Amino acid sequence: MKNADMPAMPEIVRSDENRDEEGTFYHQSHGGLTKREHFAAMAMQGMLASYKELYEACQDGERPVKYICEASVNFASALLAELERTK
């Protein structure tokens, strides 16, 4: 599984059904947002905090909502690529 597709905040779930001789077996749940989705949401939140300025900066006919969505995903992808590059 790629780093970008891994859960942003994995949850450790206690499983009483699967015990071994040493005690309780724990496993990791992979539900929720991926890292890419989480980073994109954070980027979108920052852009929406200054939406008025962003809207005014858009060219005539350009849709700020579409721009924000695309830019958010691009920022998330760039951050994940940089994190992979600097391991």
PDB file of N, CA and C in Angstrom:
ATOM      1  N   MET A   1       0.840  -1.172   0.000  1.00  0.00           N
ATOM      2  CA  MET A   1       0.000   0.000   0.000  1.00  0.00           C
ATOM      3  C   MET A   1       0.892   1.245   0.000  1.00  0.00           C
ATOM      4  N   LYS A   2       0.586   2.189  -0.881  1.00  0.00           N
ATOM      5  CA  LYS A   2       1.341   3.435  -0.956  1.00  0.00           C
ATOM      6  C   LYS A   2       1.111   4.276   0.299  1.00  0.00           C
ATOM      7  N   ASN A   3       2.098   5.083   0.650  1.00  0.00           N
ATOM      8  CA  ASN A   3       1.997   5.975   1.790  1.00  0.00           C
ATOM      9  C   ASN A   3       0.761   6.858   1.674  1.00  0.00           C
ATOM     10  N   ALA A   4       0.483   7.391   0.486  1.00  0.00           N
ATOM     11  CA  ALA A   4      -0.656   8.291   0.289  1.00  0.00           C
ATOM     12  C   ALA A   4      -1.988   7.611   0.562  1.00  0.00           C
ATOM     13  N   ASP A   5      -2.046   6.303   0.393  1.00  0.00           N
ATOM     14  CA  ASP A   5      -3.298   5.565   0.559  1.00  0.00           C
ATOM     15  C   ASP A   5      -3.467   4.978   1.959  1.00  0.00           C
ATOM     16  N   MET A   6      -2.459   5.171   2.804  1.00  0.00           N
ATOM     17  CA  MET A   6      -2.545   4.667   4.177  1.00  0.00           C
ATOM     18  C   MET A   6      -3.426   5.599   5.004  1.00  0.00           C
ATOM     19  N   PRO A   7      -4.018   5.093   6.081  1.00  0.00           N
ATOM     20  CA  PRO A   7      -4.884   5.945   6.891  1.00  0.00           C
ATOM     21  C   PRO A   7      -4.109   7.070   7.554  1.00  0.00           C
ATOM     22  N   ALA A   8      -4.741   8.250   7.630  1.00  0.00           N
ATOM     23  CA  ALA A   8      -4.102   9.410   8.246  1.00  0.00           C
ATOM     24  C   ALA A   8      -3.992   9.223   9.758  1.00  0.00           C
ATOM     25  N   MET A   9      -5.000   8.647  10.367  1.00  0.00           N
ATOM     26  CA  MET A   9      -5.023   8.436  11.809  1.00  0.00           C
ATOM     27  C   MET A   9      -5.546   7.037  12.091  1.00  0.00           C
ATOM     28  N   PRO A  10      -4.693   6.012  11.927  1.00  0.00           N
ATOM     29  CA  PRO A  10      -5.173   4.649  12.131  1.00  0.00           C
ATOM     30  C   PRO A  10      -5.656   4.432  13.564  1.00  0.00           C
ATOM     31  N   GLU A  11      -6.624   3.580  13.680  1.00  0.00           N
ATOM     32  CA  GLU A  11      -7.216   3.292  14.975  1.00  0.00           C
ATOM     33  C   GLU A  11      -6.801   1.885  15.411  1.00  0.00           C
ATOM     34  N   ILE A  12      -6.316   1.773  16.630  1.00  0.00           N
ATOM     35  CA  ILE A  12      -5.968   0.464  17.176  1.00  0.00           C
ATOM     36  C   ILE A  12      -7.226  -0.083  17.842  1.00  0.00           C
ATOM     37  N   VAL A  13      -7.633  -1.256  17.410  1.00  0.00           N
ATOM     38  CA  VAL A  13      -8.872  -1.854  17.894  1.00  0.00           C
ATOM     39  C   VAL A  13      -8.548  -3.091  18.725  1.00  0.00           C
ATOM     40  N   ARG A  14      -9.140  -3.185  19.884  1.00  0.00           N
ATOM     41  CA  ARG A  14      -8.931  -4.356  20.735  1.00  0.00           C
ATOM     42  C   ARG A  14      -9.837  -5.483  20.253  1.00  0.00           C
ATOM     43  N   SER A  15      -9.270  -6.644  20.110  1.00  0.00           N
ATOM     44  CA  SER A  15     -10.028  -7.798  19.653  1.00  0.00           C
ATOM     45  C   SER A  15      -9.966  -8.884  20.720  1.00  0.00           C
ATOM     46  N   ASP A  16     -11.068  -9.103  21.394  1.00  0.00           N
ATOM     47  CA  ASP A  16     -11.124 -10.150  22.416  1.00  0.00           C
ATOM     48  C   ASP A  16     -11.294 -11.532  21.795  1.00  0.00           C
ATOM     49  N   GLU A  17     -11.669 -11.585  20.533  1.00  0.00           N
ATOM     50  CA  GLU A  17     -11.916 -12.860  19.867  1.00  0.00           C
ATOM     51  C   GLU A  17     -10.624 -13.597  19.531  1.00  0.00           C
ATOM     52  N   ASN A  18      -9.548 -12.880  19.284  1.00  0.00           N
ATOM     53  CA  ASN A  18      -8.287 -13.486  18.855  1.00  0.00           C
ATOM     54  C   ASN A  18      -7.233 -13.340  19.943  1.00  0.00           C
ATOM     55  N   ARG A  19      -7.208 -14.266  20.837  1.00  0.00           N
ATOM     56  CA  ARG A  19      -6.223 -14.239  21.922  1.00  0.00           C
ATOM     57  C   ARG A  19      -5.188 -15.330  21.692  1.00  0.00           C
ATOM     58  N   ASP A  20      -3.968 -15.029  22.092  1.00  0.00           N
ATOM     59  CA  ASP A  20      -2.941 -16.068  22.079  1.00  0.00           C
ATOM     60  C   ASP A  20      -2.548 -16.376  23.529  1.00  0.00           C
ATOM     61  N   GLU A  21      -1.509 -17.158  23.718  1.00  0.00           N
ATOM     62  CA  GLU A  21      -1.098 -17.542  25.069  1.00  0.00           C
ATOM     63  C   GLU A  21      -0.623 -16.349  25.896  1.00  0.00           C
ATOM     64  N   GLU A  22      -0.213 -15.271  25.226  1.00  0.00           N
ATOM     65  CA  GLU A  22       0.371 -14.136  25.933  1.00  0.00           C
ATOM     66  C   GLU A  22      -0.643 -13.042  26.272  1.00  0.00           C
ATOM     67  N   GLY A  23      -1.884 -13.173  25.842  1.00  0.00           N
ATOM     68  CA  GLY A  23      -2.875 -12.150  26.171  1.00  0.00           C
ATOM     69  C   GLY A  23      -3.730 -11.768  24.977  1.00  0.00           C
ATOM     70  N   THR A  24      -4.108 -10.535  24.957  1.00  0.00           N
ATOM     71  CA  THR A  24      -5.027 -10.043  23.928  1.00  0.00           C
ATOM     72  C   THR A  24      -4.290  -9.688  22.650  1.00  0.00           C
ATOM     73  N   PHE A  25      -4.861 -10.037  21.541  1.00  0.00           N
ATOM     74  CA  PHE A  25      -4.304  -9.692  20.224  1.00  0.00           C
ATOM     75  C   PHE A  25      -4.893  -8.370  19.770  1.00  0.00           C
ATOM     76  N   TYR A  26      -4.030  -7.474  19.323  1.00  0.00           N
ATOM     77  CA  TYR A  26      -4.492  -6.187  18.799  1.00  0.00           C
ATOM     78  C   TYR A  26      -4.217  -6.136  17.298  1.00  0.00           C
ATOM     79  N   HIS A  27      -5.075  -5.477  16.565  1.00  0.00           N
ATOM     80  CA  HIS A  27      -4.842  -5.301  15.135  1.00  0.00           C
ATOM     81  C   HIS A  27      -5.173  -3.858  14.762  1.00  0.00           C
ATOM     82  N   GLN A  28      -4.738  -3.453  13.599  1.00  0.00           N
ATOM     83  CA  GLN A  28      -4.914  -2.081  13.148  1.00  0.00           C
ATOM     84  C   GLN A  28      -6.087  -2.007  12.186  1.00  0.00           C
ATOM     85  N   SER A  29      -6.975  -1.066  12.411  1.00  0.00           N
ATOM     86  CA  SER A  29      -8.108  -0.841  11.527  1.00  0.00           C
ATOM     87  C   SER A  29      -7.707   0.188  10.473  1.00  0.00           C
ATOM     88  N   HIS A  30      -8.073  -0.028   9.227  1.00  0.00           N
ATOM     89  CA  HIS A  30      -7.693   0.883   8.151  1.00  0.00           C
ATOM     90  C   HIS A  30      -8.879   1.685   7.634  1.00  0.00           C
ATOM     91  N   GLY A  31      -9.721   2.140   8.524  1.00  0.00           N
ATOM     92  CA  GLY A  31     -10.862   2.942   8.111  1.00  0.00           C
ATOM     93  C   GLY A  31     -10.538   4.420   8.149  1.00  0.00           C
ATOM     94  N   GLY A  32     -11.400   5.222   7.582  1.00  0.00           N
ATOM     95  CA  GLY A  32     -11.252   6.671   7.658  1.00  0.00           C
ATOM     96  C   GLY A  32     -10.538   7.266   6.467  1.00  0.00           C
ATOM     97  N   LEU A  33     -10.123   8.506   6.615  1.00  0.00           N
ATOM     98  CA  LEU A  33      -9.472   9.246   5.537  1.00  0.00           C
ATOM     99  C   LEU A  33      -8.063   8.727   5.259  1.00  0.00           C
ATOM    100  N   THR A  34      -7.666   8.789   3.998  1.00  0.00           N
ATOM    101  CA  THR A  34      -6.280   8.499   3.656  1.00  0.00           C
ATOM    102  C   THR A  34      -5.445   9.737   3.953  1.00  0.00           C
ATOM    103  N   LYS A  35      -4.137   9.577   3.934  1.00  0.00           N
ATOM    104  CA  LYS A  35      -3.255  10.727   4.135  1.00  0.00           C
ATOM    105  C   LYS A  35      -3.494  11.778   3.062  1.00  0.00           C
ATOM    106  N   ARG A  36      -3.662  11.342   1.806  1.00  0.00           N
ATOM    107  CA  ARG A  36      -3.898  12.293   0.712  1.00  0.00           C
ATOM    108  C   ARG A  36      -5.183  13.090   0.956  1.00  0.00           C
ATOM    109  N   GLU A  37      -6.245  12.414   1.366  1.00  0.00           N
ATOM    110  CA  GLU A  37      -7.515  13.101   1.630  1.00  0.00           C
ATOM    111  C   GLU A  37      -7.376  14.073   2.809  1.00  0.00           C
ATOM    112  N   HIS A  38      -6.676  13.654   3.838  1.00  0.00           N
ATOM    113  CA  HIS A  38      -6.492  14.515   5.008  1.00  0.00           C
ATOM    114  C   HIS A  38      -5.683  15.766   4.652  1.00  0.00           C
ATOM    115  N   PHE A  39      -4.578  15.579   3.928  1.00  0.00           N
ATOM    116  CA  PHE A  39      -3.760  16.729   3.537  1.00  0.00           C
ATOM    117  C   PHE A  39      -4.532  17.663   2.602  1.00  0.00           C
ATOM    118  N   ALA A  40      -5.318  17.097   1.685  1.00  0.00           N
ATOM    119  CA  ALA A  40      -6.113  17.920   0.772  1.00  0.00           C
ATOM    120  C   ALA A  40      -7.152  18.734   1.554  1.00  0.00           C
ATOM    121  N   ALA A  41      -7.768  18.127   2.537  1.00  0.00           N
ATOM    122  CA  ALA A  41      -8.753  18.840   3.355  1.00  0.00           C
ATOM    123  C   ALA A  41      -8.112  19.985   4.125  1.00  0.00           C
ATOM    124  N   MET A  42      -6.898  19.758   4.631  1.00  0.00           N
ATOM    125  CA  MET A  42      -6.201  20.823   5.358  1.00  0.00           C
ATOM    126  C   MET A  42      -5.836  21.980   4.428  1.00  0.00           C
ATOM    127  N   ALA A  43      -5.396  21.653   3.213  1.00  0.00           N
ATOM    128  CA  ALA A  43      -5.075  22.704   2.238  1.00  0.00           C
ATOM    129  C   ALA A  43      -6.335  23.477   1.867  1.00  0.00           C
ATOM    130  N   MET A  44      -7.433  22.748   1.662  1.00  0.00           N
ATOM    131  CA  MET A  44      -8.691  23.399   1.311  1.00  0.00           C
ATOM    132  C   MET A  44      -9.155  24.323   2.436  1.00  0.00           C
ATOM    133  N   GLN A  45      -9.009  23.885   3.660  1.00  0.00           N
ATOM    134  CA  GLN A  45      -9.405  24.702   4.802  1.00  0.00           C
ATOM    135  C   GLN A  45      -8.635  26.024   4.820  1.00  0.00           C
ATOM    136  N   GLY A  46      -7.335  25.958   4.546  1.00  0.00           N
ATOM    137  CA  GLY A  46      -6.534  27.180   4.507  1.00  0.00           C
ATOM    138  C   GLY A  46      -6.970  28.115   3.399  1.00  0.00           C
ATOM    139  N   MET A  47      -7.253  27.557   2.224  1.00  0.00           N
ATOM    140  CA  MET A  47      -7.693  28.415   1.110  1.00  0.00           C
ATOM    141  C   MET A  47      -9.059  29.021   1.383  1.00  0.00           C
ATOM    142  N   LEU A  48      -9.954  28.257   1.992  1.00  0.00           N
ATOM    143  CA  LEU A  48     -11.285  28.791   2.277  1.00  0.00           C
ATOM    144  C   LEU A  48     -11.254  29.875   3.344  1.00  0.00           C
ATOM    145  N   ALA A  49     -10.221  29.877   4.174  1.00  0.00           N
ATOM    146  CA  ALA A  49     -10.094  30.918   5.187  1.00  0.00           C
ATOM    147  C   ALA A  49      -9.863  32.285   4.553  1.00  0.00           C
ATOM    148  N   SER A  50      -9.339  32.300   3.329  1.00  0.00           N
ATOM    149  CA  SER A  50      -9.142  33.570   2.608  1.00  0.00           C
ATOM    150  C   SER A  50      -9.885  33.521   1.272  1.00  0.00           C
ATOM    151  N   TYR A  51     -11.096  32.978   1.294  1.00  0.00           N
ATOM    152  CA  TYR A  51     -11.873  32.765   0.072  1.00  0.00           C
ATOM    153  C   TYR A  51     -12.133  34.065  -0.681  1.00  0.00           C
ATOM    154  N   LYS A  52     -12.430  35.146   0.029  1.00  0.00           N
ATOM    155  CA  LYS A  52     -12.743  36.421  -0.632  1.00  0.00           C
ATOM    156  C   LYS A  52     -11.572  36.871  -1.499  1.00  0.00           C
ATOM    157  N   GLU A  53     -10.366  36.840  -0.964  1.00  0.00           N
ATOM    158  CA  GLU A  53      -9.185  37.246  -1.719  1.00  0.00           C
ATOM    159  C   GLU A  53      -8.947  36.304  -2.893  1.00  0.00           C
ATOM    160  N   LEU A  54      -9.154  35.018  -2.667  1.00  0.00           N
ATOM    161  CA  LEU A  54      -8.980  34.035  -3.733  1.00  0.00           C
ATOM    162  C   LEU A  54     -10.003  34.261  -4.841  1.00  0.00           C
ATOM    163  N   TYR A  55     -11.238  34.502  -4.481  1.00  0.00           N
ATOM    164  CA  TYR A  55     -12.305  34.746  -5.460  1.00  0.00           C
ATOM    165  C   TYR A  55     -11.978  35.974  -6.301  1.00  0.00           C
ATOM    166  N   GLU A  56     -11.507  37.042  -5.654  1.00  0.00           N
ATOM    167  CA  GLU A  56     -11.172  38.270  -6.373  1.00  0.00           C
ATOM    168  C   GLU A  56      -9.961  38.083  -7.283  1.00  0.00           C
ATOM    169  N   ALA A  57      -9.067  37.167  -6.939  1.00  0.00           N
ATOM    170  CA  ALA A  57      -7.868  36.930  -7.735  1.00  0.00           C
ATOM    171  C   ALA A  57      -8.139  36.066  -8.970  1.00  0.00           C
ATOM    172  N   CYS A  58      -9.245  35.345  -8.977  1.00  0.00           N
ATOM    173  CA  CYS A  58      -9.562  34.483 -10.118  1.00  0.00           C
ATOM    174  C   CYS A  58      -9.905  35.322 -11.350  1.00  0.00           C
ATOM    175  N   GLN A  59      -9.509  34.821 -12.509  1.00  0.00           N
ATOM    176  CA  GLN A  59      -9.818  35.494 -13.770  1.00  0.00           C
ATOM    177  C   GLN A  59     -11.316  35.391 -14.050  1.00  0.00           C
ATOM    178  N   ASP A  60     -11.836  36.287 -14.882  1.00  0.00           N
ATOM    179  CA  ASP A  60     -13.244  36.221 -15.279  1.00  0.00           C
ATOM    180  C   ASP A  60     -13.538  34.859 -15.897  1.00  0.00           C
ATOM    181  N   GLY A  61     -14.594  34.244 -15.451  1.00  0.00           N
ATOM    182  CA  GLY A  61     -14.985  32.951 -15.990  1.00  0.00           C
ATOM    183  C   GLY A  61     -14.360  31.767 -15.274  1.00  0.00           C
ATOM    184  N   GLU A  62     -13.290  31.999 -14.521  1.00  0.00           N
ATOM    185  CA  GLU A  62     -12.666  30.906 -13.777  1.00  0.00           C
ATOM    186  C   GLU A  62     -13.504  30.642 -12.526  1.00  0.00           C
ATOM    187  N   ARG A  63     -13.733  29.399 -12.248  1.00  0.00           N
ATOM    188  CA  ARG A  63     -14.559  29.039 -11.099  1.00  0.00           C
ATOM    189  C   ARG A  63     -13.685  28.794  -9.879  1.00  0.00           C
ATOM    190  N   PRO A  64     -13.796  29.638  -8.853  1.00  0.00           N
ATOM    191  CA  PRO A  64     -12.946  29.487  -7.677  1.00  0.00           C
ATOM    192  C   PRO A  64     -13.148  28.152  -6.958  1.00  0.00           C
ATOM    193  N   VAL A  65     -14.360  27.603  -6.969  1.00  0.00           N
ATOM    194  CA  VAL A  65     -14.600  26.342  -6.279  1.00  0.00           C
ATOM    195  C   VAL A  65     -13.816  25.224  -6.950  1.00  0.00           C
ATOM    196  N   LYS A  66     -13.873  25.153  -8.269  1.00  0.00           N
ATOM    197  CA  LYS A  66     -13.125  24.130  -9.009  1.00  0.00           C
ATOM    198  C   LYS A  66     -11.618  24.320  -8.777  1.00  0.00           C
ATOM    199  N   TYR A  67     -11.162  25.560  -8.809  1.00  0.00           N
ATOM    200  CA  TYR A  67      -9.746  25.849  -8.578  1.00  0.00           C
ATOM    201  C   TYR A  67      -9.316  25.367  -7.189  1.00  0.00           C
ATOM    202  N   ILE A  68     -10.106  25.667  -6.168  1.00  0.00           N
ATOM    203  CA  ILE A  68      -9.762  25.281  -4.798  1.00  0.00           C
ATOM    204  C   ILE A  68      -9.682  23.760  -4.675  1.00  0.00           C
ATOM    205  N   CYS A  69     -10.643  23.059  -5.265  1.00  0.00           N
ATOM    206  CA  CYS A  69     -10.635  21.586  -5.197  1.00  0.00           C
ATOM    207  C   CYS A  69      -9.396  21.009  -5.872  1.00  0.00           C
ATOM    208  N   GLU A  70      -9.100  21.476  -7.079  1.00  0.00           N
ATOM    209  CA  GLU A  70      -7.935  20.972  -7.803  1.00  0.00           C
ATOM    210  C   GLU A  70      -6.635  21.327  -7.091  1.00  0.00           C
ATOM    211  N   ALA A  71      -6.531  22.565  -6.616  1.00  0.00           N
ATOM    212  CA  ALA A  71      -5.314  23.006  -5.931  1.00  0.00           C
ATOM    213  C   ALA A  71      -5.104  22.219  -4.634  1.00  0.00           C
ATOM    214  N   SER A  72      -6.161  21.923  -3.919  1.00  0.00           N
ATOM    215  CA  SER A  72      -6.050  21.168  -2.667  1.00  0.00           C
ATOM    216  C   SER A  72      -5.436  19.796  -2.908  1.00  0.00           C
ATOM    217  N   VAL A  73      -5.917  19.109  -3.943  1.00  0.00           N
ATOM    218  CA  VAL A  73      -5.380  17.785  -4.274  1.00  0.00           C
ATOM    219  C   VAL A  73      -3.930  17.906  -4.740  1.00  0.00           C
ATOM    220  N   ASN A  74      -3.628  18.942  -5.518  1.00  0.00           N
ATOM    221  CA  ASN A  74      -2.252  19.155  -5.990  1.00  0.00           C
ATOM    222  C   ASN A  74      -1.297  19.425  -4.828  1.00  0.00           C
ATOM    223  N   PHE A  75      -1.725  20.228  -3.861  1.00  0.00           N
ATOM    224  CA  PHE A  75      -0.889  20.487  -2.685  1.00  0.00           C
ATOM    225  C   PHE A  75      -0.645  19.195  -1.907  1.00  0.00           C
ATOM    226  N   ALA A  76      -1.698  18.387  -1.733  1.00  0.00           N
ATOM    227  CA  ALA A  76      -1.552  17.123  -1.015  1.00  0.00           C
ATOM    228  C   ALA A  76      -0.580  16.199  -1.736  1.00  0.00           C
ATOM    229  N   SER A  77      -0.711  16.095  -3.043  1.00  0.00           N
ATOM    230  CA  SER A  77       0.185  15.231  -3.825  1.00  0.00           C
ATOM    231  C   SER A  77       1.628  15.712  -3.741  1.00  0.00           C
ATOM    232  N   ALA A  78       1.827  17.029  -3.814  1.00  0.00           N
ATOM    233  CA  ALA A  78       3.180  17.589  -3.734  1.00  0.00           C
ATOM    234  C   ALA A  78       3.801  17.324  -2.372  1.00  0.00           C
ATOM    235  N   LEU A  79       3.010  17.455  -1.309  1.00  0.00           N
ATOM    236  CA  LEU A  79       3.529  17.184   0.026  1.00  0.00           C
ATOM    237  C   LEU A  79       3.907  15.711   0.179  1.00  0.00           C
ATOM    238  N   LEU A  80       3.068  14.819  -0.277  1.00  0.00           N
ATOM    239  CA  LEU A  80       3.377  13.384  -0.191  1.00  0.00           C
ATOM    240  C   LEU A  80       4.614  13.036  -0.995  1.00  0.00           C
ATOM    241  N   ALA A  81       4.772  13.631  -2.180  1.00  0.00           N
ATOM    242  CA  ALA A  81       5.958  13.381  -3.002  1.00  0.00           C
ATOM    243  C   ALA A  81       7.214  13.877  -2.299  1.00  0.00           C
ATOM    244  N   GLU A  82       7.125  15.045  -1.683  1.00  0.00           N
ATOM    245  CA  GLU A  82       8.282  15.592  -0.972  1.00  0.00           C
ATOM    246  C   GLU A  82       8.633  14.741   0.242  1.00  0.00           C
ATOM    247  N   LEU A  83       7.627  14.264   0.942  1.00  0.00           N
ATOM    248  CA  LEU A  83       7.887  13.391   2.090  1.00  0.00           C
ATOM    249  C   LEU A  83       8.571  12.093   1.650  1.00  0.00           C
ATOM    250  N   GLU A  84       8.165  11.540   0.515  1.00  0.00           N
ATOM    251  CA  GLU A  84       8.803  10.322  -0.009  1.00  0.00           C
ATOM    252  C   GLU A  84      10.254  10.616  -0.430  1.00  0.00           C
ATOM    253  N   ARG A  85      10.473  11.782  -1.029  1.00  0.00           N
ATOM    254  CA  ARG A  85      11.793  12.147  -1.508  1.00  0.00           C
ATOM    255  C   ARG A  85      12.789  12.353  -0.378  1.00  0.00           C
ATOM    256  N   THR A  86      12.317  12.842   0.752  1.00  0.00           N
ATOM    257  CA  THR A  86      13.219  13.200   1.861  1.00  0.00           C
ATOM    258  C   THR A  86      13.270  12.151   2.955  1.00  0.00           C
ATOM    259  N   LYS A  87      12.845  10.933   2.684  1.00  0.00           N
ATOM    260  CA  LYS A  87      12.895   9.869   3.700  1.00  0.00           C
ATOM    261  C   LYS A  87      14.310   9.609   4.146  1.00  0.00           C
TER     262      LYS A  87
END
